[in-house]
N, C-alpha and C. Protein backbone atom coordinates (compact mmCIF):
# COMPACT_ATOMS: atom_id res chain seq x y z
N MET A 1 102.77 -62.96 46.26
CA MET A 1 101.34 -63.41 46.86
C MET A 1 100.55 -61.79 47.72
N GLY A 2 99.78 -61.39 46.80
CA GLY A 2 99.09 -60.39 47.81
C GLY A 2 98.61 -60.26 49.31
N THR A 3 97.89 -59.57 49.92
CA THR A 3 96.97 -60.06 51.05
C THR A 3 96.03 -59.99 51.24
N THR A 4 95.84 -60.72 52.32
CA THR A 4 94.04 -61.60 52.16
C THR A 4 92.86 -59.89 52.52
N ALA A 5 92.01 -60.50 53.10
CA ALA A 5 90.85 -60.09 52.58
C ALA A 5 91.54 -59.18 54.81
N ARG A 6 91.41 -60.59 55.20
CA ARG A 6 91.04 -60.76 56.58
C ARG A 6 92.67 -59.64 57.74
N GLU A 7 93.88 -59.84 55.86
CA GLU A 7 94.63 -58.95 56.58
C GLU A 7 94.46 -57.34 56.72
N GLU A 8 94.01 -57.65 54.87
CA GLU A 8 93.53 -55.67 55.24
C GLU A 8 92.74 -55.56 56.71
N MET A 9 91.85 -55.92 56.49
CA MET A 9 90.35 -55.60 57.58
C MET A 9 91.43 -55.21 59.45
N GLN A 10 92.17 -56.13 59.44
CA GLN A 10 93.12 -55.50 60.36
C GLN A 10 93.44 -55.15 60.09
N ARG A 11 95.20 -54.61 59.59
CA ARG A 11 95.10 -53.34 58.99
C ARG A 11 94.59 -51.95 59.32
N PHE A 12 93.72 -52.59 58.77
CA PHE A 12 91.99 -51.22 59.16
C PHE A 12 91.76 -50.05 59.53
N TRP A 13 92.22 -51.75 60.92
CA TRP A 13 91.32 -51.34 62.61
C TRP A 13 91.68 -50.51 63.51
N GLU A 14 92.98 -50.98 62.73
CA GLU A 14 94.78 -51.06 63.60
C GLU A 14 94.79 -50.05 63.31
N ARG A 15 94.99 -49.05 62.49
CA ARG A 15 94.88 -47.90 62.15
C ARG A 15 94.15 -47.07 62.64
N ASN A 16 92.66 -47.25 62.52
CA ASN A 16 91.89 -46.64 63.36
C ASN A 16 91.78 -46.48 64.97
N GLU A 17 92.72 -47.48 65.14
CA GLU A 17 92.31 -46.86 67.06
C GLU A 17 93.44 -46.73 67.49
N ARG A 18 94.54 -46.37 66.15
CA ARG A 18 95.69 -45.25 65.93
C ARG A 18 95.53 -44.30 66.68
N SER A 19 94.46 -43.75 65.65
CA SER A 19 94.07 -42.99 65.36
C SER A 19 93.94 -41.75 65.91
N ASN A 20 92.57 -43.10 67.08
CA ASN A 20 91.98 -42.00 68.12
C ASN A 20 90.38 -42.12 66.54
N ARG A 21 90.11 -41.96 65.44
CA ARG A 21 88.96 -41.59 64.86
C ARG A 21 88.05 -42.51 65.24
N PRO A 22 86.34 -41.95 65.02
CA PRO A 22 85.36 -41.79 65.08
C PRO A 22 85.03 -43.13 64.06
N LEU A 23 83.78 -44.64 64.19
CA LEU A 23 83.38 -44.41 63.23
C LEU A 23 82.95 -44.32 62.22
N SER A 24 81.98 -43.52 62.93
CA SER A 24 80.90 -42.60 61.81
C SER A 24 80.01 -40.89 62.61
N PRO A 25 80.06 -40.42 62.11
CA PRO A 25 79.03 -39.76 62.45
C PRO A 25 77.59 -39.29 63.31
N HIS A 26 78.04 -39.46 64.95
CA HIS A 26 76.46 -40.15 65.41
C HIS A 26 75.57 -39.32 65.16
N VAL A 27 74.40 -40.03 65.08
CA VAL A 27 73.00 -39.66 63.89
C VAL A 27 72.99 -38.10 64.92
N SER A 28 73.12 -38.04 66.66
CA SER A 28 72.76 -36.52 66.73
C SER A 28 73.45 -35.78 66.24
N ILE A 29 73.56 -35.23 65.37
CA ILE A 29 74.75 -34.37 64.79
C ILE A 29 73.92 -33.63 63.79
N TYR A 30 73.09 -34.20 63.04
CA TYR A 30 72.24 -34.38 61.80
C TYR A 30 71.15 -33.35 62.92
N LYS A 31 70.17 -32.32 62.40
CA LYS A 31 69.48 -31.82 63.18
C LYS A 31 68.16 -31.79 61.49
N CYS A 32 67.20 -32.17 62.02
CA CYS A 32 65.83 -32.25 61.30
C CYS A 32 64.91 -31.10 60.74
N THR A 33 64.91 -31.40 59.93
CA THR A 33 64.09 -29.74 59.47
C THR A 33 63.02 -30.02 59.37
N PRO A 34 62.20 -28.93 58.90
CA PRO A 34 60.68 -29.24 59.40
C PRO A 34 60.59 -29.92 57.90
N GLU A 35 61.25 -29.60 56.93
CA GLU A 35 61.29 -30.99 55.59
C GLU A 35 60.66 -31.65 55.59
N CYS A 36 61.38 -33.22 57.37
CA CYS A 36 61.63 -34.04 56.41
C CYS A 36 60.24 -34.65 57.18
N SER A 37 59.46 -33.28 58.32
CA SER A 37 58.25 -34.40 58.45
C SER A 37 57.25 -33.71 57.66
N LEU A 38 57.29 -33.12 57.12
CA LEU A 38 55.47 -33.07 56.05
C LEU A 38 55.51 -33.59 55.81
N PRO A 39 55.33 -34.57 54.78
CA PRO A 39 54.81 -35.50 54.21
C PRO A 39 53.83 -37.17 55.12
N ILE A 40 54.61 -37.51 56.77
CA ILE A 40 53.88 -38.17 57.52
C ILE A 40 52.19 -37.16 58.12
N PRO A 41 52.56 -35.64 58.34
CA PRO A 41 50.93 -34.57 58.54
C PRO A 41 50.04 -34.99 57.75
N GLY A 42 50.67 -34.93 56.39
CA GLY A 42 49.65 -34.58 55.33
C GLY A 42 49.64 -35.95 55.13
N VAL A 43 49.64 -37.10 55.10
CA VAL A 43 48.44 -38.21 54.86
C VAL A 43 48.10 -38.63 56.40
N SER A 44 48.58 -38.03 57.50
CA SER A 44 47.60 -38.56 58.31
C SER A 44 46.27 -37.71 58.66
N LEU A 45 46.78 -36.55 58.14
CA LEU A 45 45.30 -35.37 58.67
C LEU A 45 44.39 -35.95 57.04
N PHE A 46 44.78 -36.22 55.95
CA PHE A 46 43.68 -36.67 54.93
C PHE A 46 42.90 -37.94 55.68
N SER A 47 44.03 -38.84 56.27
CA SER A 47 42.90 -40.02 56.15
C SER A 47 42.39 -39.95 57.09
N LEU A 48 42.81 -38.94 58.24
CA LEU A 48 41.28 -38.65 59.19
C LEU A 48 40.26 -37.88 58.56
N ALA A 49 40.71 -37.20 57.60
CA ALA A 49 39.12 -36.31 57.01
C ALA A 49 38.60 -37.68 56.35
N ALA A 50 38.83 -38.23 54.93
CA ALA A 50 38.34 -39.28 55.05
C ALA A 50 37.33 -40.02 56.03
N PHE A 51 38.31 -40.34 57.56
CA PHE A 51 36.73 -41.62 57.89
C PHE A 51 36.51 -40.42 58.83
N LEU A 52 36.89 -39.56 59.06
CA LEU A 52 35.96 -38.46 59.91
C LEU A 52 34.44 -38.08 59.12
N LEU A 53 35.06 -37.34 58.12
CA LEU A 53 33.13 -37.35 56.67
C LEU A 53 31.94 -38.06 57.37
N PRO A 54 31.34 -37.51 57.35
CA PRO A 54 30.16 -38.03 57.61
C PRO A 54 29.38 -38.89 55.86
N GLU A 55 29.55 -37.95 55.09
CA GLU A 55 29.42 -38.49 53.81
C GLU A 55 30.14 -39.37 53.15
N HIS A 56 29.58 -40.15 52.52
CA HIS A 56 30.23 -41.83 51.49
C HIS A 56 30.72 -40.03 50.00
N PHE A 57 31.94 -40.42 49.66
CA PHE A 57 32.77 -40.20 48.10
C PHE A 57 31.74 -40.11 47.17
N PRO A 58 31.11 -40.37 46.58
CA PRO A 58 30.33 -39.90 46.28
C PRO A 58 29.13 -38.57 46.08
N HIS A 59 29.07 -38.68 47.49
CA HIS A 59 28.50 -37.31 47.39
C HIS A 59 29.47 -36.02 47.55
N TYR A 60 30.12 -35.89 47.65
CA TYR A 60 32.03 -34.50 47.59
C TYR A 60 31.89 -35.01 45.87
N LEU A 61 31.41 -36.68 45.35
CA LEU A 61 32.37 -35.70 43.96
C LEU A 61 30.89 -34.75 43.03
N ALA A 62 29.17 -34.93 43.64
CA ALA A 62 28.85 -34.79 43.13
C ALA A 62 28.29 -33.31 43.26
N GLN A 63 28.81 -32.67 44.84
CA GLN A 63 29.42 -31.20 45.44
C GLN A 63 30.35 -30.34 44.46
N VAL A 64 31.48 -31.13 43.67
CA VAL A 64 32.25 -30.57 43.07
C VAL A 64 32.11 -30.17 41.97
N ARG A 65 30.92 -31.30 40.99
CA ARG A 65 29.97 -31.33 40.17
C ARG A 65 28.50 -29.52 39.68
N ASP A 66 28.53 -29.12 41.39
CA ASP A 66 27.97 -28.83 41.78
C ASP A 66 28.60 -27.41 41.40
N LEU A 67 29.19 -26.93 41.75
CA LEU A 67 30.74 -26.27 41.03
C LEU A 67 30.80 -25.84 39.83
N SER A 68 30.55 -26.31 38.59
CA SER A 68 30.59 -26.01 37.20
C SER A 68 31.67 -25.11 37.16
N LEU A 69 33.30 -26.03 37.79
CA LEU A 69 34.41 -25.55 37.25
C LEU A 69 34.34 -24.91 35.54
N GLY A 70 35.19 -25.15 35.18
CA GLY A 70 35.23 -25.77 33.54
C GLY A 70 36.15 -27.07 33.36
N PRO A 71 36.43 -27.10 31.84
CA PRO A 71 37.63 -27.92 32.04
C PRO A 71 38.89 -27.56 32.58
N ALA A 72 38.88 -26.72 32.04
CA ALA A 72 40.32 -26.31 31.95
C ALA A 72 41.66 -26.20 33.67
N LEU A 73 40.72 -25.83 35.07
CA LEU A 73 40.80 -25.91 36.62
C LEU A 73 40.62 -27.45 36.89
N ILE A 74 39.32 -28.15 35.95
CA ILE A 74 40.28 -29.08 36.99
C ILE A 74 41.15 -30.36 36.20
N PHE A 75 41.02 -29.89 35.07
CA PHE A 75 42.20 -30.43 34.71
C PHE A 75 43.97 -29.80 35.65
N SER A 76 43.46 -28.80 35.06
CA SER A 76 44.67 -28.02 36.59
C SER A 76 45.05 -28.57 37.65
N ALA A 77 43.61 -28.44 38.41
CA ALA A 77 43.81 -29.66 39.72
C ALA A 77 44.27 -30.79 39.23
N LYS A 78 43.35 -31.66 38.34
CA LYS A 78 44.49 -32.78 38.78
C LYS A 78 45.87 -33.22 38.41
N PHE A 79 46.20 -31.72 37.58
CA PHE A 79 47.78 -32.29 37.10
C PHE A 79 48.62 -31.83 38.59
N ALA A 80 47.94 -30.94 39.06
CA ALA A 80 48.32 -30.87 40.53
C ALA A 80 48.85 -32.42 41.32
N LEU A 81 47.17 -32.09 41.27
CA LEU A 81 47.26 -34.12 42.63
C LEU A 81 48.52 -34.68 42.07
N VAL A 82 48.19 -34.80 40.60
CA VAL A 82 49.69 -36.45 39.54
C VAL A 82 50.54 -35.81 39.93
N LEU A 83 50.97 -34.96 40.09
CA LEU A 83 52.57 -33.87 39.52
C LEU A 83 53.51 -35.44 40.63
N PRO A 84 53.07 -34.72 42.05
CA PRO A 84 53.86 -34.87 42.94
C PRO A 84 54.41 -36.69 42.84
N PHE A 85 53.41 -36.97 42.38
CA PHE A 85 53.28 -38.71 42.26
C PHE A 85 53.97 -39.39 41.57
N SER A 86 53.98 -38.11 40.14
CA SER A 86 54.06 -39.22 38.72
C SER A 86 56.27 -38.24 38.73
N TYR A 87 56.30 -37.97 39.43
CA TYR A 87 57.28 -36.97 40.02
C TYR A 87 58.50 -37.89 40.44
N HIS A 88 57.55 -38.09 41.69
CA HIS A 88 59.06 -39.14 42.08
C HIS A 88 58.81 -40.40 42.40
N THR A 89 57.63 -40.79 41.58
CA THR A 89 58.35 -42.29 40.56
C THR A 89 59.04 -42.77 40.03
N TRP A 90 58.94 -41.54 39.01
CA TRP A 90 59.66 -41.40 37.80
C TRP A 90 61.41 -41.84 38.51
N ASN A 91 61.53 -40.50 39.41
CA ASN A 91 63.01 -40.60 40.16
C ASN A 91 63.52 -41.38 40.59
N GLY A 92 62.30 -42.43 41.27
CA GLY A 92 62.80 -43.59 41.59
C GLY A 92 63.14 -44.81 41.02
N ILE A 93 62.27 -44.54 39.92
CA ILE A 93 62.85 -45.48 38.79
C ILE A 93 64.16 -45.35 38.25
N ARG A 94 64.62 -44.47 37.99
CA ARG A 94 65.77 -42.84 37.28
C ARG A 94 66.99 -44.02 38.26
N HIS A 95 66.40 -44.00 39.50
CA HIS A 95 67.24 -43.93 40.60
C HIS A 95 67.36 -46.05 40.80
N LEU A 96 67.15 -46.21 40.64
CA LEU A 96 67.44 -48.11 40.40
C LEU A 96 67.68 -48.52 39.26
N VAL A 97 67.70 -47.51 37.90
CA VAL A 97 68.59 -48.28 36.63
C VAL A 97 69.12 -47.53 36.88
């Protein structure tokens, strides 16, 4: 008959103690890059601007309409805004499946 899970676990910890290996690398060895903090300030600045702007959304929508931008430019701007959200959503779904 094979060994039990408790015996395997005991053998594992004894071997780790004998070899004097650390359990896992500590978090301090990882260096934070600028990319890891970019999304938070971007969302914060957008929400801060939304709260501090004096007018409501329809006013700013009317200003954009008054610019008379062509449909191609408006489509490109919408596409550029939606692309990151859809990209990360679909990759998250793919990761879960």
